[in-house]
PDB file of all heavy atoms in Angstrom:
ATOM      1  N   VAL A   1       0.855  -1.188   0.000  1.00  0.00           N
ATOM      2  CA  VAL A   1       0.000   0.000   0.000  1.00  0.00           C
ATOM      3  C   VAL A   1       0.894   1.242   0.000  1.00  0.00           C
ATOM      4  O   VAL A   1       1.897   1.298   0.710  1.00  0.00           O
ATOM      5  CB  VAL A   1      -0.912   0.019   1.247  1.00  0.00           C
ATOM      6  CG1 VAL A   1      -1.772   1.288   1.271  1.00  0.00           C
ATOM      7  CG2 VAL A   1      -1.797  -1.224   1.282  1.00  0.00           C
ATOM      8  N   GLY A   2       0.532   2.225  -0.794  1.00  0.00           N
ATOM      9  CA  GLY A   2       1.276   3.474  -0.801  1.00  0.00           C
ATOM     10  C   GLY A   2       0.959   4.311   0.424  1.00  0.00           C
ATOM     11  O   GLY A   2      -0.193   4.386   0.858  1.00  0.00           O
ATOM     12  N   LYS A   3       1.970   4.939   0.987  1.00  0.00           N
ATOM     13  CA  LYS A   3       1.757   5.784   2.165  1.00  0.00           C
ATOM     14  C   LYS A   3       1.116   7.112   1.777  1.00  0.00           C
ATOM     15  O   LYS A   3       0.388   7.721   2.560  1.00  0.00           O
ATOM     16  CB  LYS A   3       3.082   6.034   2.890  1.00  0.00           C
ATOM     17  CG  LYS A   3       2.911   6.616   4.292  1.00  0.00           C
ATOM     18  CD  LYS A   3       4.219   6.610   5.051  1.00  0.00           C
ATOM     19  CE  LYS A   3       4.051   7.165   6.465  1.00  0.00           C
ATOM     20  NZ  LYS A   3       3.189   6.310   7.299  1.00  0.00           N
ATOM     21  N   HIS A   4       1.399   7.532   0.551  1.00  0.00           N
ATOM     22  CA  HIS A   4       0.808   8.783   0.089  1.00  0.00           C
ATOM     23  C   HIS A   4       0.319   8.646  -1.355  1.00  0.00           C
ATOM     24  O   HIS A   4      -0.832   8.345  -1.580  1.00  0.00           O
ATOM     25  CB  HIS A   4       1.810   9.939   0.224  1.00  0.00           C
ATOM     26  CG  HIS A   4       2.157  10.264   1.633  1.00  0.00           C
ATOM     27  ND1 HIS A   4       1.226  10.737   2.529  1.00  0.00           N
ATOM     28  CD2 HIS A   4       3.319  10.152   2.320  1.00  0.00           C
ATOM     29  CE1 HIS A   4       1.801  10.913   3.706  1.00  0.00           C
ATOM     30  NE2 HIS A   4       3.070  10.571   3.610  1.00  0.00           N
ATOM     31  N   ALA A   5       1.207   8.888  -2.307  1.00  0.00           N
ATOM     32  CA  ALA A   5       0.787   9.056  -3.691  1.00  0.00           C
ATOM     33  C   ALA A   5       0.208   7.779  -4.296  1.00  0.00           C
ATOM     34  O   ALA A   5       0.815   6.724  -4.258  1.00  0.00           O
ATOM     35  CB  ALA A   5       1.970   9.528  -4.534  1.00  0.00           C
ATOM     36  N   GLY A   6      -0.991   7.914  -4.857  1.00  0.00           N
ATOM     37  CA  GLY A   6      -1.610   6.812  -5.583  1.00  0.00           C
ATOM     38  C   GLY A   6      -1.533   7.065  -7.075  1.00  0.00           C
ATOM     39  O   GLY A   6      -0.895   8.009  -7.535  1.00  0.00           O
ATOM     40  N   GLY A   7      -2.202   6.231  -7.836  1.00  0.00           N
ATOM     41  CA  GLY A   7      -2.181   6.386  -9.279  1.00  0.00           C
ATOM     42  C   GLY A   7      -3.319   5.642  -9.924  1.00  0.00           C
ATOM     43  O   GLY A   7      -4.100   4.935  -9.272  1.00  0.00           O
ATOM     44  N   PHE A   8      -3.404   5.786 -11.220  1.00  0.00           N
ATOM     45  CA  PHE A   8      -4.467   5.227 -12.051  1.00  0.00           C
ATOM     46  C   PHE A   8      -4.700   3.742 -11.785  1.00  0.00           C
ATOM     47  O   PHE A   8      -5.814   3.247 -11.805  1.00  0.00           O
ATOM     48  CB  PHE A   8      -4.062   5.447 -13.513  1.00  0.00           C
ATOM     49  CG  PHE A   8      -5.040   4.970 -14.540  1.00  0.00           C
ATOM     50  CD1 PHE A   8      -6.257   5.608 -14.700  1.00  0.00           C
ATOM     51  CD2 PHE A   8      -4.728   3.903 -15.359  1.00  0.00           C
ATOM     52  CE1 PHE A   8      -7.152   5.168 -15.670  1.00  0.00           C
ATOM     53  CE2 PHE A   8      -5.612   3.463 -16.326  1.00  0.00           C
ATOM     54  CZ  PHE A   8      -6.828   4.101 -16.489  1.00  0.00           C
ATOM     55  N   GLN A   9      -3.612   3.011 -11.498  1.00  0.00           N
ATOM     56  CA  GLN A   9      -3.658   1.555 -11.398  1.00  0.00           C
ATOM     57  C   GLN A   9      -3.869   1.051  -9.964  1.00  0.00           C
ATOM     58  O   GLN A   9      -3.937  -0.148  -9.739  1.00  0.00           O
ATOM     59  CB  GLN A   9      -2.360   0.957 -11.928  1.00  0.00           C
ATOM     60  CG  GLN A   9      -1.137   1.245 -11.061  1.00  0.00           C
ATOM     61  CD  GLN A   9      -0.673   2.690 -11.064  1.00  0.00           C
ATOM     62  OE1 GLN A   9      -0.779   3.358 -12.078  1.00  0.00           O
ATOM     63  NE2 GLN A   9      -0.193   3.180  -9.937  1.00  0.00           N
ATOM     64  N   ASP A  10      -3.981   1.946  -9.004  1.00  0.00           N
ATOM     65  CA  ASP A  10      -4.066   1.557  -7.596  1.00  0.00           C
ATOM     66  C   ASP A  10      -5.516   1.494  -7.144  1.00  0.00           C
ATOM     67  O   ASP A  10      -6.387   2.171  -7.696  1.00  0.00           O
ATOM     68  CB  ASP A  10      -3.290   2.544  -6.724  1.00  0.00           C
ATOM     69  CG  ASP A  10      -1.823   2.618  -7.090  1.00  0.00           C
ATOM     70  OD1 ASP A  10      -1.299   1.587  -7.571  1.00  0.00           O
ATOM     71  OD2 ASP A  10      -1.209   3.681  -6.913  1.00  0.00           O
ATOM     72  N   GLY A  11      -5.782   0.694  -6.100  1.00  0.00           N
ATOM     73  CA  GLY A  11      -7.157   0.481  -5.703  1.00  0.00           C
ATOM     74  C   GLY A  11      -7.396   0.516  -4.208  1.00  0.00           C
ATOM     75  O   GLY A  11      -6.533   0.925  -3.419  1.00  0.00           O
ATOM     76  N   LEU A  12      -8.581   0.066  -3.827  1.00  0.00           N
ATOM     77  CA  LEU A  12      -9.054   0.123  -2.448  1.00  0.00           C
ATOM     78  C   LEU A  12      -9.518  -1.258  -2.002  1.00  0.00           C
ATOM     79  O   LEU A  12     -10.083  -2.023  -2.788  1.00  0.00           O
ATOM     80  CB  LEU A  12     -10.196   1.138  -2.346  1.00  0.00           C
ATOM     81  CG  LEU A  12     -10.909   1.328  -1.008  1.00  0.00           C
ATOM     82  CD1 LEU A  12     -11.328   2.796  -0.833  1.00  0.00           C
ATOM     83  CD2 LEU A  12     -12.140   0.434  -0.881  1.00  0.00           C
ATOM     84  N   ILE A  13      -9.279  -1.589  -0.739  1.00  0.00           N
ATOM     85  CA  ILE A  13      -9.798  -2.810  -0.116  1.00  0.00           C
ATOM     86  C   ILE A  13     -10.429  -2.440   1.216  1.00  0.00           C
ATOM     87  O   ILE A  13      -9.813  -1.755   2.034  1.00  0.00           O
ATOM     88  CB  ILE A  13      -8.683  -3.849   0.140  1.00  0.00           C
ATOM     89  CG1 ILE A  13      -8.058  -4.325  -1.171  1.00  0.00           C
ATOM     90  CG2 ILE A  13      -9.239  -5.051   0.904  1.00  0.00           C
ATOM     91  CD1 ILE A  13      -6.855  -5.241  -0.970  1.00  0.00           C
ATOM     92  N   ASP A  14     -11.663  -2.875   1.441  1.00  0.00           N
ATOM     93  CA  ASP A  14     -12.289  -2.832   2.756  1.00  0.00           C
ATOM     94  C   ASP A  14     -12.311  -4.246   3.306  1.00  0.00           C
ATOM     95  O   ASP A  14     -12.731  -5.182   2.621  1.00  0.00           O
ATOM     96  CB  ASP A  14     -13.722  -2.301   2.671  1.00  0.00           C
ATOM     97  CG  ASP A  14     -13.796  -0.785   2.742  1.00  0.00           C
ATOM     98  OD1 ASP A  14     -12.741  -0.137   2.812  1.00  0.00           O
ATOM     99  OD2 ASP A  14     -14.925  -0.243   2.710  1.00  0.00           O
ATOM    100  N   MET A  15     -11.886  -4.399   4.543  1.00  0.00           N
ATOM    101  CA  MET A  15     -11.826  -5.732   5.149  1.00  0.00           C
ATOM    102  C   MET A  15     -13.130  -6.131   5.832  1.00  0.00           C
ATOM    103  O   MET A  15     -13.266  -7.274   6.296  1.00  0.00           O
ATOM    104  CB  MET A  15     -10.677  -5.794   6.151  1.00  0.00           C
ATOM    105  CG  MET A  15      -9.298  -5.639   5.523  1.00  0.00           C
ATOM    106  SD  MET A  15      -8.903  -6.910   4.292  1.00  0.00           S
ATOM    107  CE  MET A  15      -8.777  -8.363   5.352  1.00  0.00           C
ATOM    108  N   SER A  16     -14.095  -5.224   5.917  1.00  0.00           N
ATOM    109  CA  SER A  16     -15.380  -5.540   6.523  1.00  0.00           C
ATOM    110  C   SER A  16     -16.433  -4.624   5.932  1.00  0.00           C
ATOM    111  O   SER A  16     -16.127  -3.673   5.207  1.00  0.00           O
ATOM    112  CB  SER A  16     -15.325  -5.379   8.048  1.00  0.00           C
ATOM    113  OG  SER A  16     -15.046  -4.037   8.404  1.00  0.00           O
ATOM    114  N   GLY A  17     -17.688  -4.918   6.251  1.00  0.00           N
ATOM    115  CA  GLY A  17     -18.774  -4.075   5.800  1.00  0.00           C
ATOM    116  C   GLY A  17     -19.139  -4.295   4.346  1.00  0.00           C
ATOM    117  O   GLY A  17     -18.753  -5.275   3.711  1.00  0.00           O
ATOM    118  N   GLU A  18     -19.873  -3.345   3.796  1.00  0.00           N
ATOM    119  CA  GLU A  18     -20.380  -3.438   2.427  1.00  0.00           C
ATOM    120  C   GLU A  18     -19.255  -3.621   1.412  1.00  0.00           C
ATOM    121  O   GLU A  18     -19.370  -4.397   0.463  1.00  0.00           O
ATOM    122  CB  GLU A  18     -21.176  -2.165   2.102  1.00  0.00           C
ATOM    123  CG  GLU A  18     -21.611  -2.007   0.658  1.00  0.00           C
ATOM    124  CD  GLU A  18     -22.685  -2.990   0.210  1.00  0.00           C
ATOM    125  OE1 GLU A  18     -23.265  -3.667   1.079  1.00  0.00           O
ATOM    126  OE2 GLU A  18     -22.937  -3.068  -1.002  1.00  0.00           O
ATOM    127  N   GLY A  19     -18.144  -2.916   1.603  1.00  0.00           N
ATOM    128  CA  GLY A  19     -17.067  -2.965   0.617  1.00  0.00           C
ATOM    129  C   GLY A  19     -16.367  -4.298   0.524  1.00  0.00           C
ATOM    130  O   GLY A  19     -15.758  -4.621  -0.502  1.00  0.00           O
ATOM    131  N   ALA A  20     -16.452  -5.102   1.593  1.00  0.00           N
ATOM    132  CA  ALA A  20     -15.710  -6.368   1.618  1.00  0.00           C
ATOM    133  C   ALA A  20     -16.187  -7.341   0.561  1.00  0.00           C
ATOM    134  O   ALA A  20     -15.426  -8.194   0.106  1.00  0.00           O
ATOM    135  CB  ALA A  20     -15.816  -6.997   3.002  1.00  0.00           C
ATOM    136  N   LYS A  21     -17.441  -7.227   0.144  1.00  0.00           N
ATOM    137  CA  LYS A  21     -17.981  -8.198  -0.814  1.00  0.00           C
ATOM    138  C   LYS A  21     -17.492  -7.961  -2.239  1.00  0.00           C
ATOM    139  O   LYS A  21     -17.676  -8.805  -3.106  1.00  0.00           O
ATOM    140  CB  LYS A  21     -19.504  -8.181  -0.781  1.00  0.00           C
ATOM    141  CG  LYS A  21     -20.150  -6.960  -1.393  1.00  0.00           C
ATOM    142  CD  LYS A  21     -21.663  -7.031  -1.284  1.00  0.00           C
ATOM    143  CE  LYS A  21     -22.336  -5.871  -1.989  1.00  0.00           C
ATOM    144  NZ  LYS A  21     -23.809  -5.917  -1.833  1.00  0.00           N
ATOM    145  N   TYR A  22     -16.825  -6.829  -2.478  1.00  0.00           N
ATOM    146  CA  TYR A  22     -16.443  -6.470  -3.835  1.00  0.00           C
ATOM    147  C   TYR A  22     -15.066  -6.970  -4.243  1.00  0.00           C
ATOM    148  O   TYR A  22     -14.673  -6.831  -5.392  1.00  0.00           O
ATOM    149  CB  TYR A  22     -16.493  -4.949  -4.021  1.00  0.00           C
ATOM    150  CG  TYR A  22     -17.888  -4.382  -4.059  1.00  0.00           C
ATOM    151  CD1 TYR A  22     -18.480  -3.857  -2.910  1.00  0.00           C
ATOM    152  CD2 TYR A  22     -18.632  -4.370  -5.238  1.00  0.00           C
ATOM    153  CE1 TYR A  22     -19.756  -3.336  -2.933  1.00  0.00           C
ATOM    154  CE2 TYR A  22     -19.910  -3.851  -5.276  1.00  0.00           C
ATOM    155  CZ  TYR A  22     -20.474  -3.334  -4.121  1.00  0.00           C
ATOM    156  OH  TYR A  22     -21.745  -2.819  -4.144  1.00  0.00           O
ATOM    157  N   THR A  23     -14.298  -7.520  -3.303  1.00  0.00           N
ATOM    158  CA  THR A  23     -12.960  -7.989  -3.659  1.00  0.00           C
ATOM    159  C   THR A  23     -12.612  -9.256  -2.889  1.00  0.00           C
ATOM    160  O   THR A  23     -12.926  -9.372  -1.691  1.00  0.00           O
ATOM    161  CB  THR A  23     -11.885  -6.909  -3.390  1.00  0.00           C
ATOM    162  OG1 THR A  23     -10.583  -7.467  -3.589  1.00  0.00           O
ATOM    163  CG2 THR A  23     -11.985  -6.358  -1.991  1.00  0.00           C
ATOM    164  N   TYR A  24     -11.982 -10.177  -3.557  1.00  0.00           N
ATOM    165  CA  TYR A  24     -11.558 -11.437  -2.941  1.00  0.00           C
ATOM    166  C   TYR A  24     -10.622 -11.191  -1.765  1.00  0.00           C
ATOM    167  O   TYR A  24     -10.582 -11.977  -0.813  1.00  0.00           O
ATOM    168  CB  TYR A  24     -10.861 -12.285  -4.010  1.00  0.00           C
ATOM    169  CG  TYR A  24     -10.233 -13.555  -3.482  1.00  0.00           C
ATOM    170  CD1 TYR A  24     -11.001 -14.687  -3.256  1.00  0.00           C
ATOM    171  CD2 TYR A  24      -8.874 -13.617  -3.220  1.00  0.00           C
ATOM    172  CE1 TYR A  24     -10.439 -15.865  -2.773  1.00  0.00           C
ATOM    173  CE2 TYR A  24      -8.292 -14.779  -2.731  1.00  0.00           C
ATOM    174  CZ  TYR A  24      -9.082 -15.895  -2.519  1.00  0.00           C
ATOM    175  OH  TYR A  24      -8.510 -17.047  -2.029  1.00  0.00           O
ATOM    176  N   TYR A  25      -9.886 -10.101  -1.807  1.00  0.00           N
ATOM    177  CA  TYR A  25      -8.810  -9.880  -0.844  1.00  0.00           C
ATOM    178  C   TYR A  25      -9.300  -9.524   0.551  1.00  0.00           C
ATOM    179  O   TYR A  25      -8.505  -9.508   1.500  1.00  0.00           O
ATOM    180  CB  TYR A  25      -7.825  -8.853  -1.400  1.00  0.00           C
ATOM    181  CG  TYR A  25      -7.076  -9.462  -2.553  1.00  0.00           C
ATOM    182  CD1 TYR A  25      -7.545  -9.343  -3.857  1.00  0.00           C
ATOM    183  CD2 TYR A  25      -5.961 -10.249  -2.333  1.00  0.00           C
ATOM    184  CE1 TYR A  25      -6.900  -9.962  -4.907  1.00  0.00           C
ATOM    185  CE2 TYR A  25      -5.308 -10.867  -3.377  1.00  0.00           C
ATOM    186  CZ  TYR A  25      -5.784 -10.725  -4.663  1.00  0.00           C
ATOM    187  OH  TYR A  25      -5.150 -11.362  -5.696  1.00  0.00           O
ATOM    188  N   SER A  26     -10.586  -9.275   0.714  1.00  0.00           N
ATOM    189  CA  SER A  26     -11.132  -9.081   2.060  1.00  0.00           C
ATOM    190  C   SER A  26     -11.200 -10.402   2.816  1.00  0.00           C
ATOM    191  O   SER A  26     -11.402 -10.405   4.041  1.00  0.00           O
ATOM    192  CB  SER A  26     -12.531  -8.461   1.975  1.00  0.00           C
ATOM    193  OG  SER A  26     -13.434  -9.340   1.310  1.00  0.00           O
ATOM    194  N   GLN A  27     -11.031 -11.515   2.129  1.00  0.00           N
ATOM    195  CA  GLN A  27     -11.129 -12.831   2.751  1.00  0.00           C
ATOM    196  C   GLN A  27      -9.794 -13.346   3.289  1.00  0.00           C
ATOM    197  O   GLN A  27      -9.755 -14.370   3.974  1.00  0.00           O
ATOM    198  CB  GLN A  27     -11.670 -13.843   1.733  1.00  0.00           C
ATOM    199  CG  GLN A  27     -13.011 -13.475   1.124  1.00  0.00           C
ATOM    200  CD  GLN A  27     -13.413 -14.432   0.021  1.00  0.00           C
ATOM    201  OE1 GLN A  27     -13.257 -15.647   0.156  1.00  0.00           O
ATOM    202  NE2 GLN A  27     -13.919 -13.892  -1.068  1.00  0.00           N
ATOM    203  N   LEU A  28      -8.701 -12.662   2.946  1.00  0.00           N
ATOM    204  CA  LEU A  28      -7.370 -13.125   3.325  1.00  0.00           C
ATOM    205  C   LEU A  28      -6.833 -12.358   4.527  1.00  0.00           C
ATOM    206  O   LEU A  28      -7.229 -11.222   4.795  1.00  0.00           O
ATOM    207  CB  LEU A  28      -6.396 -12.955   2.166  1.00  0.00           C
ATOM    208  CG  LEU A  28      -6.690 -13.719   0.875  1.00  0.00           C
ATOM    209  CD1 LEU A  28      -5.657 -13.354  -0.184  1.00  0.00           C
ATOM    210  CD2 LEU A  28      -6.707 -15.218   1.107  1.00  0.00           C
ATOM    211  N   LYS A  29      -5.909 -12.986   5.237  1.00  0.00           N
ATOM    212  CA  LYS A  29      -5.108 -12.278   6.231  1.00  0.00           C
ATOM    213  C   LYS A  29      -3.918 -11.638   5.497  1.00  0.00           C
ATOM    214  O   LYS A  29      -3.377 -12.243   4.564  1.00  0.00           O
ATOM    215  CB  LYS A  29      -4.626 -13.254   7.305  1.00  0.00           C
ATOM    216  CG  LYS A  29      -5.768 -13.844   8.141  1.00  0.00           C
ATOM    217  CD  LYS A  29      -5.325 -15.021   8.977  1.00  0.00           C
ATOM    218  CE  LYS A  29      -5.257 -16.307   8.156  1.00  0.00           C
ATOM    219  NZ  LYS A  29      -6.581 -16.808   7.749  1.00  0.00           N
ATOM    220  N   HIS A  30      -3.529 -10.451   5.930  1.00  0.00           N
ATOM    221  CA  HIS A  30      -2.481  -9.733   5.206  1.00  0.00           C
ATOM    222  C   HIS A  30      -1.403  -9.215   6.151  1.00  0.00           C
ATOM    223  O   HIS A  30      -1.713  -8.700   7.236  1.00  0.00           O
ATOM    224  CB  HIS A  30      -3.057  -8.516   4.460  1.00  0.00           C
ATOM    225  CG  HIS A  30      -4.160  -8.834   3.505  1.00  0.00           C
ATOM    226  ND1 HIS A  30      -3.954  -9.456   2.301  1.00  0.00           N
ATOM    227  CD2 HIS A  30      -5.497  -8.610   3.595  1.00  0.00           C
ATOM    228  CE1 HIS A  30      -5.116  -9.595   1.679  1.00  0.00           C
ATOM    229  NE2 HIS A  30      -6.053  -9.096   2.434  1.00  0.00           N
ATOM    230  N   LEU A  31      -0.148  -9.359   5.723  1.00  0.00           N
ATOM    231  CA  LEU A  31       0.915  -8.539   6.268  1.00  0.00           C
ATOM    232  C   LEU A  31       1.011  -7.353   5.320  1.00  0.00           C
ATOM    233  O   LEU A  31       1.376  -7.515   4.147  1.00  0.00           O
ATOM    234  CB  LEU A  31       2.244  -9.288   6.331  1.00  0.00           C
ATOM    235  CG  LEU A  31       3.389  -8.473   6.957  1.00  0.00           C
ATOM    236  CD1 LEU A  31       3.115  -8.186   8.427  1.00  0.00           C
ATOM    237  CD2 LEU A  31       4.724  -9.171   6.796  1.00  0.00           C
ATOM    238  N   VAL A  32       0.642  -6.183   5.817  1.00  0.00           N
ATOM    239  CA  VAL A  32       0.517  -5.007   4.961  1.00  0.00           C
ATOM    240  C   VAL A  32       1.761  -4.140   5.078  1.00  0.00           C
ATOM    241  O   VAL A  32       2.126  -3.690   6.170  1.00  0.00           O
ATOM    242  CB  VAL A  32      -0.733  -4.186   5.339  1.00  0.00           C
ATOM    243  CG1 VAL A  32      -0.892  -3.002   4.387  1.00  0.00           C
ATOM    244  CG2 VAL A  32      -1.976  -5.069   5.325  1.00  0.00           C
ATOM    245  N   LEU A  33       2.399  -3.922   3.944  1.00  0.00           N
ATOM    246  CA  LEU A  33       3.520  -2.988   3.856  1.00  0.00           C
ATOM    247  C   LEU A  33       2.971  -1.649   3.393  1.00  0.00           C
ATOM    248  O   LEU A  33       2.422  -1.545   2.289  1.00  0.00           O
ATOM    249  CB  LEU A  33       4.567  -3.501   2.869  1.00  0.00           C
ATOM    250  CG  LEU A  33       5.651  -2.498   2.454  1.00  0.00           C
ATOM    251  CD1 LEU A  33       6.493  -2.083   3.653  1.00  0.00           C
ATOM    252  CD2 LEU A  33       6.526  -3.081   1.351  1.00  0.00           C
ATOM    253  N   VAL A  34       3.071  -0.645   4.247  1.00  0.00           N
ATOM    254  CA  VAL A  34       2.685   0.717   3.878  1.00  0.00           C
ATOM    255  C   VAL A  34       3.975   1.513   3.750  1.00  0.00           C
ATOM    256  O   VAL A  34       4.728   1.643   4.724  1.00  0.00           O
ATOM    257  CB  VAL A  34       1.757   1.351   4.932  1.00  0.00           C
ATOM    258  CG1 VAL A  34       1.328   2.744   4.481  1.00  0.00           C
ATOM    259  CG2 VAL A  34       0.535   0.475   5.173  1.00  0.00           C
ATOM    260  N   ALA A  35       4.240   2.028   2.561  1.00  0.00           N
ATOM    261  CA  ALA A  35       5.557   2.629   2.333  1.00  0.00           C
ATOM    262  C   ALA A  35       5.481   3.785   1.351  1.00  0.00           C
ATOM    263  O   ALA A  35       4.516   3.930   0.586  1.00  0.00           O
ATOM    264  CB  ALA A  35       6.533   1.562   1.811  1.00  0.00           C
ATOM    265  N   ASP A  36       6.521   4.592   1.382  1.00  0.00           N
ATOM    266  CA  ASP A  36       6.651   5.718   0.461  1.00  0.00           C
ATOM    267  C   ASP A  36       8.048   5.673  -0.137  1.00  0.00           C
ATOM    268  O   ASP A  36       8.961   5.026   0.407  1.00  0.00           O
ATOM    269  CB  ASP A  36       6.421   7.032   1.198  1.00  0.00           C
ATOM    270  CG  ASP A  36       6.055   8.169   0.256  1.00  0.00           C
ATOM    271  OD1 ASP A  36       5.866   7.906  -0.947  1.00  0.00           O
ATOM    272  OD2 ASP A  36       5.957   9.326   0.716  1.00  0.00           O
TER     273      ASP A  36
END
């Protein structure tokens, strides 16, 4: 995950709630790297 600047090819993941149903990745456990 980008710490700041995003771009055309970058997206969003919600791990719960309404948004979780829109992506497979809400079902996985993640070690998340947030970096700049």
